[in-house]
Amino acid sequence: MWGEEATKKKRKEDAEIVVNASHEGFLIGCSAENREPKLSRIKTFFRLLPIRVYESFHNFVLSYFKTVNYKAGKRLKFWFMKMETFEHVDSVIKVFKWVILPATFVYVLADFCFLRANVWDSALLGVLLFFYSNFLPDLPAIFRRKNLLNLGIKDPSLPWYKNYTLLLFAPIFIVLFLCGLKWRWKTIETFHNFKSLAVYVVFLSVIGFFVFSSFSMGLGNVIESLSVPFYGLAGYLTHLRVDLCF
């Protein structure tokens, strides 16, 4: 009697152990299955991130030039703007990936290791300046008109200082234009030349000196000041390389 009850109790305990073990295994399997899709989604996100950033950057640039040219009354074909945008965006991304990004890391690490200086501010400013300078030669295009001298019509261009004011302060003029201010300055200058590049580099050198110089000038301040025209030069040259094919 007592032996039979003990045997039944033991069988019941064994069954509970088996059920609990299978239940725990089921939960472990479910958690593993739930974890695997999450990891897969994370991997997919990081794998597609460069493509999405590239597409967003391309669409932003194309949308900007399309809006500005429409407001300026320019009759540029959409396929032409799309092709130009693709060429410049593709070029600037490649130069950034293979030249600017490695040079920036070397610049930051070298200053930190040898001069004990933190130059992340000038490095980030330089990267933004590189992308801005790449598109700068095309920004004053909304103030450009055809050169009528070839047709025998007297049509002198703006004075040189007004031409380069349009180039160096292009964002200000564009903001005023988008706000509805009709600017009367019209130029035949294209700014796709090394003279305009030289003027721009000198302008950035002055900006870099005033931003990063101090009363106790040291090697670190000099390097940071020179980094400003360096990034601008790289961006402007990247643009000229696409349009002038050198």
C-alpha atoms as a PDB file:
ATOM      1  CA  MET A   1       0.000   0.000   0.000  1.00  0.00           C
ATOM      2  CA  TRP A   2       2.616   2.447   1.097  1.00  0.00           C
ATOM      3  CA  GLY A   3       4.884   1.217  -1.677  1.00  0.00           C
ATOM      4  CA  GLU A   4       2.260   1.904  -4.343  1.00  0.00           C
ATOM      5  CA  GLU A   5       1.637   5.448  -3.052  1.00  0.00           C
ATOM      6  CA  ALA A   6       5.371   6.150  -3.029  1.00  0.00           C
ATOM      7  CA  THR A   7       5.687   4.897  -6.616  1.00  0.00           C
ATOM      8  CA  LYS A   8       2.764   7.101  -7.799  1.00  0.00           C
ATOM      9  CA  LYS A   9       4.228  10.133  -6.007  1.00  0.00           C
ATOM     10  CA  LYS A  10       7.595   9.585  -7.639  1.00  0.00           C
ATOM     11  CA  ARG A  11       5.988   9.251 -11.101  1.00  0.00           C
ATOM     12  CA  LYS A  12       4.085  12.495 -10.509  1.00  0.00           C
ATOM     13  CA  GLU A  13       7.243  14.353  -9.506  1.00  0.00           C
ATOM     14  CA  ASP A  14       9.092  13.019 -12.587  1.00  0.00           C
ATOM     15  CA  ALA A  15       6.246  14.150 -14.851  1.00  0.00           C
ATOM     16  CA  GLU A  16       6.320  17.635 -13.296  1.00  0.00           C
ATOM     17  CA  ILE A  17      10.088  17.829 -13.874  1.00  0.00           C
ATOM     18  CA  VAL A  18       9.700  16.793 -17.511  1.00  0.00           C
ATOM     19  CA  VAL A  19       6.889  19.304 -18.077  1.00  0.00           C
ATOM     20  CA  ASN A  20       8.791  22.114 -16.398  1.00  0.00           C
ATOM     21  CA  ALA A  21      11.937  21.330 -18.360  1.00  0.00           C
ATOM     22  CA  SER A  22      10.057  21.290 -21.649  1.00  0.00           C
ATOM     23  CA  HIS A  23       8.311  24.532 -20.715  1.00  0.00           C
ATOM     24  CA  GLU A  24      11.615  26.222 -19.885  1.00  0.00           C
ATOM     25  CA  GLY A  25      13.076  24.941 -23.161  1.00  0.00           C
ATOM     26  CA  PHE A  26      10.115  26.369 -25.035  1.00  0.00           C
ATOM     27  CA  LEU A  27      10.645  29.791 -23.424  1.00  0.00           C
ATOM     28  CA  ILE A  28      14.365  29.708 -24.215  1.00  0.00           C
ATOM     29  CA  GLY A  29      13.605  28.769 -27.813  1.00  0.00           C
ATOM     30  CA  CYS A  30      11.045  31.561 -28.142  1.00  0.00           C
ATOM     31  CA  SER A  31      13.425  34.160 -26.698  1.00  0.00           C
ATOM     32  CA  ALA A  32      16.155  33.005 -29.078  1.00  0.00           C
ATOM     33  CA  GLU A  33      13.764  33.200 -32.012  1.00  0.00           C
ATOM     34  CA  ASN A  34      12.634  36.692 -30.960  1.00  0.00           C
ATOM     35  CA  ARG A  35      16.213  37.837 -30.471  1.00  0.00           C
ATOM     36  CA  GLU A  36      17.391  36.619 -33.859  1.00  0.00           C
ATOM     37  CA  PRO A  37      15.031  38.807 -35.969  1.00  0.00           C
ATOM     38  CA  LYS A  38      15.972  41.844 -33.842  1.00  0.00           C
ATOM     39  CA  LEU A  39      19.675  41.252 -34.474  1.00  0.00           C
ATOM     40  CA  SER A  40      18.917  40.711 -38.129  1.00  0.00           C
ATOM     41  CA  ARG A  41      17.023  44.000 -38.322  1.00  0.00           C
ATOM     42  CA  ILE A  42      19.867  45.837 -36.611  1.00  0.00           C
ATOM     43  CA  LYS A  43      22.418  44.359 -39.025  1.00  0.00           C
ATOM     44  CA  THR A  44      20.223  45.267 -41.980  1.00  0.00           C
ATOM     45  CA  PHE A  45      19.811  48.816 -40.664  1.00  0.00           C
ATOM     46  CA  PHE A  46      23.568  49.417 -40.371  1.00  0.00           C
ATOM     47  CA  ARG A  47      24.222  47.723 -43.707  1.00  0.00           C
ATOM     48  CA  LEU A  48      21.710  49.981 -45.490  1.00  0.00           C
ATOM     49  CA  LEU A  49      22.581  53.133 -43.508  1.00  0.00           C
ATOM     50  CA  PRO A  50      25.249  54.429 -45.973  1.00  0.00           C
ATOM     51  CA  ILE A  51      22.842  53.939 -48.896  1.00  0.00           C
ATOM     52  CA  ARG A  52      20.040  55.785 -47.097  1.00  0.00           C
ATOM     53  CA  VAL A  53      22.370  58.645 -46.109  1.00  0.00           C
ATOM     54  CA  TYR A  54      23.576  58.896 -49.716  1.00  0.00           C
ATOM     55  CA  GLU A  55      20.024  58.949 -51.082  1.00  0.00           C
ATOM     56  CA  SER A  56      18.880  61.523 -48.509  1.00  0.00           C
ATOM     57  CA  PHE A  57      21.843  63.769 -49.274  1.00  0.00           C
ATOM     58  CA  HIS A  58      21.285  63.451 -53.023  1.00  0.00           C
ATOM     59  CA  ASN A  59      17.552  64.191 -52.745  1.00  0.00           C
ATOM     60  CA  PHE A  60      18.203  67.203 -50.494  1.00  0.00           C
ATOM     61  CA  VAL A  61      20.688  68.756 -52.934  1.00  0.00           C
ATOM     62  CA  LEU A  62      18.447  68.058 -55.929  1.00  0.00           C
ATOM     63  CA  SER A  63      15.405  69.507 -54.164  1.00  0.00           C
ATOM     64  CA  TYR A  64      17.330  72.654 -53.227  1.00  0.00           C
ATOM     65  CA  PHE A  65      18.592  73.378 -56.738  1.00  0.00           C
ATOM     66  CA  LYS A  66      15.192  72.580 -58.239  1.00  0.00           C
ATOM     67  CA  THR A  67      13.451  75.018 -55.873  1.00  0.00           C
ATOM     68  CA  VAL A  68      15.994  77.811 -56.322  1.00  0.00           C
ATOM     69  CA  ASN A  69      16.117  77.508 -60.114  1.00  0.00           C
ATOM     70  CA  TYR A  70      12.322  77.503 -60.284  1.00  0.00           C
ATOM     71  CA  LYS A  71      12.092  80.685 -58.200  1.00  0.00           C
ATOM     72  CA  ALA A  72      14.836  82.306 -60.282  1.00  0.00           C
ATOM     73  CA  GLY A  73      12.986  81.537 -63.508  1.00  0.00           C
ATOM     74  CA  LYS A  74      15.797  79.345 -64.864  1.00  0.00           C
ATOM     75  CA  ARG A  75      14.608  76.896 -67.501  1.00  0.00           C
ATOM     76  CA  LEU A  76      16.929  74.041 -66.693  1.00  0.00           C
ATOM     77  CA  LYS A  77      15.740  70.570 -67.587  1.00  0.00           C
ATOM     78  CA  PHE A  78      15.056  68.311 -64.621  1.00  0.00           C
ATOM     79  CA  TRP A  79      17.143  65.498 -66.111  1.00  0.00           C
ATOM     80  CA  PHE A  80      20.079  67.925 -66.423  1.00  0.00           C
ATOM     81  CA  MET A  81      19.821  68.993 -62.766  1.00  0.00           C
ATOM     82  CA  LYS A  82      19.491  65.352 -61.741  1.00  0.00           C
ATOM     83  CA  MET A  83      22.587  64.349 -63.713  1.00  0.00           C
ATOM     84  CA  GLU A  84      24.613  67.278 -62.362  1.00  0.00           C
ATOM     85  CA  THR A  85      23.530  66.514 -58.816  1.00  0.00           C
ATOM     86  CA  PHE A  86      24.441  62.849 -59.166  1.00  0.00           C
ATOM     87  CA  GLU A  87      27.913  63.644 -60.529  1.00  0.00           C
ATOM     88  CA  HIS A  88      28.748  66.137 -57.783  1.00  0.00           C
ATOM     89  CA  VAL A  89      27.251  64.116 -54.923  1.00  0.00           C
ATOM     90  CA  ASP A  90      29.010  60.954 -56.081  1.00  0.00           C
ATOM     91  CA  SER A  91      32.324  62.813 -56.371  1.00  0.00           C
ATOM     92  CA  VAL A  92      32.108  64.565 -53.002  1.00  0.00           C
ATOM     93  CA  ILE A  93      31.184  61.338 -51.204  1.00  0.00           C
ATOM     94  CA  LYS A  94      34.142  59.475 -52.729  1.00  0.00           C
ATOM     95  CA  VAL A  95      36.619  62.236 -51.871  1.00  0.00           C
ATOM     96  CA  PHE A  96      35.223  62.477 -48.349  1.00  0.00           C
ATOM     97  CA  LYS A  97      35.437  58.712 -47.838  1.00  0.00           C
ATOM     98  CA  TRP A  98      38.954  58.181 -49.183  1.00  0.00           C
ATOM     99  CA  VAL A  99      40.680  61.526 -48.513  1.00  0.00           C
ATOM    100  CA  ILE A 100      38.926  63.870 -46.085  1.00  0.00           C
ATOM    101  CA  LEU A 101      37.831  61.313 -43.473  1.00  0.00           C
ATOM    102  CA  PRO A 102      41.290  59.642 -43.099  1.00  0.00           C
ATOM    103  CA  ALA A 103      43.015  63.054 -43.130  1.00  0.00           C
ATOM    104  CA  THR A 104      40.653  64.304 -40.416  1.00  0.00           C
ATOM    105  CA  PHE A 105      41.413  61.343 -38.136  1.00  0.00           C
ATOM    106  CA  VAL A 106      45.152  61.850 -38.664  1.00  0.00           C
ATOM    107  CA  TYR A 107      44.743  65.557 -37.941  1.00  0.00           C
ATOM    108  CA  VAL A 108      42.817  64.971 -34.704  1.00  0.00           C
ATOM    109  CA  LEU A 109      45.062  62.159 -33.438  1.00  0.00           C
ATOM    110  CA  ALA A 110      48.307  63.932 -34.320  1.00  0.00           C
ATOM    111  CA  ASP A 111      47.264  67.115 -32.505  1.00  0.00           C
ATOM    112  CA  PHE A 112      46.171  65.123 -29.479  1.00  0.00           C
ATOM    113  CA  CYS A 113      49.304  62.934 -29.313  1.00  0.00           C
ATOM    114  CA  PHE A 114      51.963  65.563 -30.040  1.00  0.00           C
ATOM    115  CA  LEU A 115      50.378  68.838 -28.914  1.00  0.00           C
ATOM    116  CA  ARG A 116      47.851  67.564 -26.358  1.00  0.00           C
ATOM    117  CA  ALA A 117      45.232  69.688 -28.086  1.00  0.00           C
ATOM    118  CA  ASN A 118      41.567  68.931 -28.748  1.00  0.00           C
ATOM    119  CA  VAL A 119      40.798  70.024 -32.306  1.00  0.00           C
ATOM    120  CA  TRP A 120      37.426  68.340 -32.780  1.00  0.00           C
ATOM    121  CA  ASP A 121      35.757  71.744 -33.192  1.00  0.00           C
ATOM    122  CA  SER A 122      37.936  72.756 -36.141  1.00  0.00           C
ATOM    123  CA  ALA A 123      37.715  69.228 -37.597  1.00  0.00           C
ATOM    124  CA  LEU A 124      33.902  69.197 -37.575  1.00  0.00           C
ATOM    125  CA  LEU A 125      33.816  72.746 -38.910  1.00  0.00           C
ATOM    126  CA  GLY A 126      36.226  71.691 -41.643  1.00  0.00           C
ATOM    127  CA  VAL A 127      34.083  68.717 -42.701  1.00  0.00           C
ATOM    128  CA  LEU A 128      31.007  70.954 -42.991  1.00  0.00           C
ATOM    129  CA  LEU A 129      33.095  73.485 -44.887  1.00  0.00           C
ATOM    130  CA  PHE A 130      34.290  70.788 -47.285  1.00  0.00           C
ATOM    131  CA  PHE A 131      30.724  69.852 -48.282  1.00  0.00           C
ATOM    132  CA  TYR A 132      29.664  73.501 -48.501  1.00  0.00           C
ATOM    133  CA  SER A 133      32.668  74.454 -50.658  1.00  0.00           C
ATOM    134  CA  ASN A 134      31.949  71.609 -53.043  1.00  0.00           C
ATOM    135  CA  PHE A 135      28.643  73.221 -54.063  1.00  0.00           C
ATOM    136  CA  LEU A 136      29.694  76.859 -53.661  1.00  0.00           C
ATOM    137  CA  PRO A 137      30.645  77.567 -57.315  1.00  0.00           C
ATOM    138  CA  ASP A 138      27.060  76.805 -58.379  1.00  0.00           C
ATOM    139  CA  LEU A 139      25.306  78.779 -55.639  1.00  0.00           C
ATOM    140  CA  PRO A 140      25.545  82.227 -57.324  1.00  0.00           C
ATOM    141  CA  ALA A 141      24.145  80.748 -60.561  1.00  0.00           C
ATOM    142  CA  ILE A 142      20.731  82.283 -59.846  1.00  0.00           C
ATOM    143  CA  PHE A 143      22.345  85.735 -60.254  1.00  0.00           C
ATOM    144  CA  ARG A 144      24.049  84.823 -63.519  1.00  0.00           C
ATOM    145  CA  ARG A 145      23.068  86.048 -66.974  1.00  0.00           C
ATOM    146  CA  LYS A 146      24.421  85.282 -70.399  1.00  0.00           C
ATOM    147  CA  ASN A 147      27.383  87.181 -71.736  1.00  0.00           C
ATOM    148  CA  LEU A 148      25.932  89.315 -74.563  1.00  0.00           C
ATOM    149  CA  LEU A 149      29.325  90.654 -75.656  1.00  0.00           C
ATOM    150  CA  ASN A 150      29.610  87.707 -78.023  1.00  0.00           C
ATOM    151  CA  LEU A 151      26.540  89.058 -79.832  1.00  0.00           C
ATOM    152  CA  GLY A 152      28.013  92.544 -80.126  1.00  0.00           C
ATOM    153  CA  ILE A 153      25.796  93.971 -77.377  1.00  0.00           C
ATOM    154  CA  LYS A 154      27.511  96.057 -74.731  1.00  0.00           C
ATOM    155  CA  ASP A 155      26.843  94.256 -71.492  1.00  0.00           C
ATOM    156  CA  PRO A 156      29.591  94.876 -68.953  1.00  0.00           C
ATOM    157  CA  SER A 157      29.752  92.589 -65.976  1.00  0.00           C
ATOM    158  CA  LEU A 158      29.623  93.687 -62.355  1.00  0.00           C
ATOM    159  CA  PRO A 159      32.744  95.188 -60.785  1.00  0.00           C
ATOM    160  CA  TRP A 160      35.125  92.540 -59.488  1.00  0.00           C
ATOM    161  CA  TYR A 161      34.350  93.258 -55.831  1.00  0.00           C
ATOM    162  CA  LYS A 162      30.601  92.736 -56.414  1.00  0.00           C
ATOM    163  CA  ASN A 163      31.283  89.513 -58.311  1.00  0.00           C
ATOM    164  CA  TYR A 164      33.271  88.050 -55.453  1.00  0.00           C
ATOM    165  CA  THR A 165      30.816  89.378 -52.886  1.00  0.00           C
ATOM    166  CA  LEU A 166      28.201  87.194 -54.583  1.00  0.00           C
ATOM    167  CA  LEU A 167      30.557  84.228 -54.272  1.00  0.00           C
ATOM    168  CA  LEU A 168      31.869  84.717 -50.745  1.00  0.00           C
ATOM    169  CA  PHE A 169      28.511  85.646 -49.199  1.00  0.00           C
ATOM    170  CA  ALA A 170      26.309  83.492 -51.435  1.00  0.00           C
ATOM    171  CA  PRO A 171      24.216  82.001 -48.579  1.00  0.00           C
ATOM    172  CA  ILE A 172      23.148  85.481 -47.414  1.00  0.00           C
ATOM    173  CA  PHE A 173      22.084  86.530 -50.913  1.00  0.00           C
ATOM    174  CA  ILE A 174      20.218  83.249 -51.435  1.00  0.00           C
ATOM    175  CA  VAL A 175      18.312  83.555 -48.143  1.00  0.00           C
ATOM    176  CA  LEU A 176      17.303  87.118 -49.036  1.00  0.00           C
ATOM    177  CA  PHE A 177      16.274  85.917 -52.495  1.00  0.00           C
ATOM    178  CA  LEU A 178      14.139  83.085 -51.077  1.00  0.00           C
ATOM    179  CA  CYS A 179      12.522  85.579 -48.706  1.00  0.00           C
ATOM    180  CA  GLY A 180      11.309  87.539 -51.712  1.00  0.00           C
ATOM    181  CA  LEU A 181      13.981  90.243 -52.065  1.00  0.00           C
ATOM    182  CA  LYS A 182      14.722  90.840 -55.745  1.00  0.00           C
ATOM    183  CA  TRP A 183      18.443  91.446 -56.052  1.00  0.00           C
ATOM    184  CA  ARG A 184      19.491  93.564 -59.018  1.00  0.00           C
ATOM    185  CA  TRP A 185      23.047  92.298 -59.225  1.00  0.00           C
ATOM    186  CA  LYS A 186      23.550  90.149 -62.300  1.00  0.00           C
ATOM    187  CA  THR A 187      26.908  88.674 -63.233  1.00  0.00           C
ATOM    188  CA  ILE A 188      28.413  86.844 -66.190  1.00  0.00           C
ATOM    189  CA  GLU A 189      31.093  85.306 -63.956  1.00  0.00           C
ATOM    190  CA  THR A 190      30.832  81.522 -63.582  1.00  0.00           C
ATOM    191  CA  PHE A 191      33.330  81.152 -60.685  1.00  0.00           C
ATOM    192  CA  HIS A 192      34.517  77.866 -62.204  1.00  0.00           C
ATOM    193  CA  ASN A 193      38.148  78.927 -62.384  1.00  0.00           C
ATOM    194  CA  PHE A 194      41.289  78.970 -60.270  1.00  0.00           C
ATOM    195  CA  LYS A 195      41.167  82.739 -59.791  1.00  0.00           C
ATOM    196  CA  SER A 196      37.878  82.416 -57.916  1.00  0.00           C
ATOM    197  CA  LEU A 197      39.366  79.507 -55.981  1.00  0.00           C
ATOM    198  CA  ALA A 198      42.345  81.641 -54.929  1.00  0.00           C
ATOM    199  CA  VAL A 199      40.073  84.462 -53.748  1.00  0.00           C
ATOM    200  CA  TYR A 200      37.994  81.967 -51.760  1.00  0.00           C
ATOM    201  CA  VAL A 201      41.058  80.393 -50.109  1.00  0.00           C
ATOM    202  CA  VAL A 202      42.380  83.816 -49.060  1.00  0.00           C
ATOM    203  CA  PHE A 203      38.952  84.646 -47.625  1.00  0.00           C
ATOM    204  CA  LEU A 204      38.909  81.391 -45.625  1.00  0.00           C
ATOM    205  CA  SER A 205      42.444  82.018 -44.389  1.00  0.00           C
ATOM    206  CA  VAL A 206      41.308  85.312 -42.906  1.00  0.00           C
ATOM    207  CA  ILE A 207      38.272  83.621 -41.343  1.00  0.00           C
ATOM    208  CA  GLY A 208      40.437  80.853 -39.882  1.00  0.00           C
ATOM    209  CA  PHE A 209      42.870  83.361 -38.410  1.00  0.00           C
ATOM    210  CA  PHE A 210      40.142  85.320 -36.620  1.00  0.00           C
ATOM    211  CA  VAL A 211      38.318  82.216 -35.393  1.00  0.00           C
ATOM    212  CA  PHE A 212      41.230  80.151 -34.063  1.00  0.00           C
ATOM    213  CA  SER A 213      43.943  82.704 -33.294  1.00  0.00           C
ATOM    214  CA  SER A 214      44.636  84.005 -29.797  1.00  0.00           C
ATOM    215  CA  PHE A 215      46.994  86.424 -28.083  1.00  0.00           C
ATOM    216  CA  SER A 216      49.380  83.602 -27.235  1.00  0.00           C
ATOM    217  CA  MET A 217      49.730  82.100 -30.706  1.00  0.00           C
ATOM    218  CA  GLY A 218      51.128  78.584 -30.703  1.00  0.00           C
ATOM    219  CA  LEU A 219      51.641  75.797 -33.183  1.00  0.00           C
ATOM    220  CA  GLY A 220      48.202  74.380 -32.409  1.00  0.00           C
ATOM    221  CA  ASN A 221      46.476  77.684 -33.231  1.00  0.00           C
ATOM    222  CA  VAL A 222      48.383  77.965 -36.495  1.00  0.00           C
ATOM    223  CA  ILE A 223      47.403  74.425 -37.540  1.00  0.00           C
ATOM    224  CA  GLU A 224      43.755  75.003 -36.697  1.00  0.00           C
ATOM    225  CA  SER A 225      43.770  78.281 -38.632  1.00  0.00           C
ATOM    226  CA  LEU A 226      45.276  76.574 -41.679  1.00  0.00           C
ATOM    227  CA  SER A 227      42.779  73.711 -41.510  1.00  0.00           C
ATOM    228  CA  VAL A 228      39.949  76.076 -42.499  1.00  0.00           C
ATOM    229  CA  PRO A 229      41.329  77.008 -45.961  1.00  0.00           C
ATOM    230  CA  PHE A 230      42.529  73.400 -46.429  1.00  0.00           C
ATOM    231  CA  TYR A 231      39.002  71.952 -46.166  1.00  0.00           C
ATOM    232  CA  GLY A 232      37.587  74.746 -48.325  1.00  0.00           C
ATOM    233  CA  LEU A 233      40.274  74.183 -50.965  1.00  0.00           C
ATOM    234  CA  ALA A 234      39.544  70.453 -51.039  1.00  0.00           C
ATOM    235  CA  GLY A 235      35.807  70.999 -51.496  1.00  0.00           C
ATOM    236  CA  TYR A 236      36.178  73.654 -54.204  1.00  0.00           C
ATOM    237  CA  LEU A 237      38.725  71.550 -56.118  1.00  0.00           C
ATOM    238  CA  THR A 238      36.386  68.557 -55.941  1.00  0.00           C
ATOM    239  CA  HIS A 239      33.709  70.605 -57.689  1.00  0.00           C
ATOM    240  CA  LEU A 240      36.092  71.954 -60.337  1.00  0.00           C
ATOM    241  CA  ARG A 241      37.399  68.450 -60.995  1.00  0.00           C
ATOM    242  CA  VAL A 242      33.899  67.325 -62.041  1.00  0.00           C
ATOM    243  CA  ASP A 243      33.023  70.373 -64.155  1.00  0.00           C
ATOM    244  CA  LEU A 244      36.444  71.075 -65.680  1.00  0.00           C
ATOM    245  CA  CYS A 245      37.450  67.389 -65.963  1.00  0.00           C
ATOM    246  CA  PHE A 246      41.077  67.801 -64.868  1.00  0.00           C
END
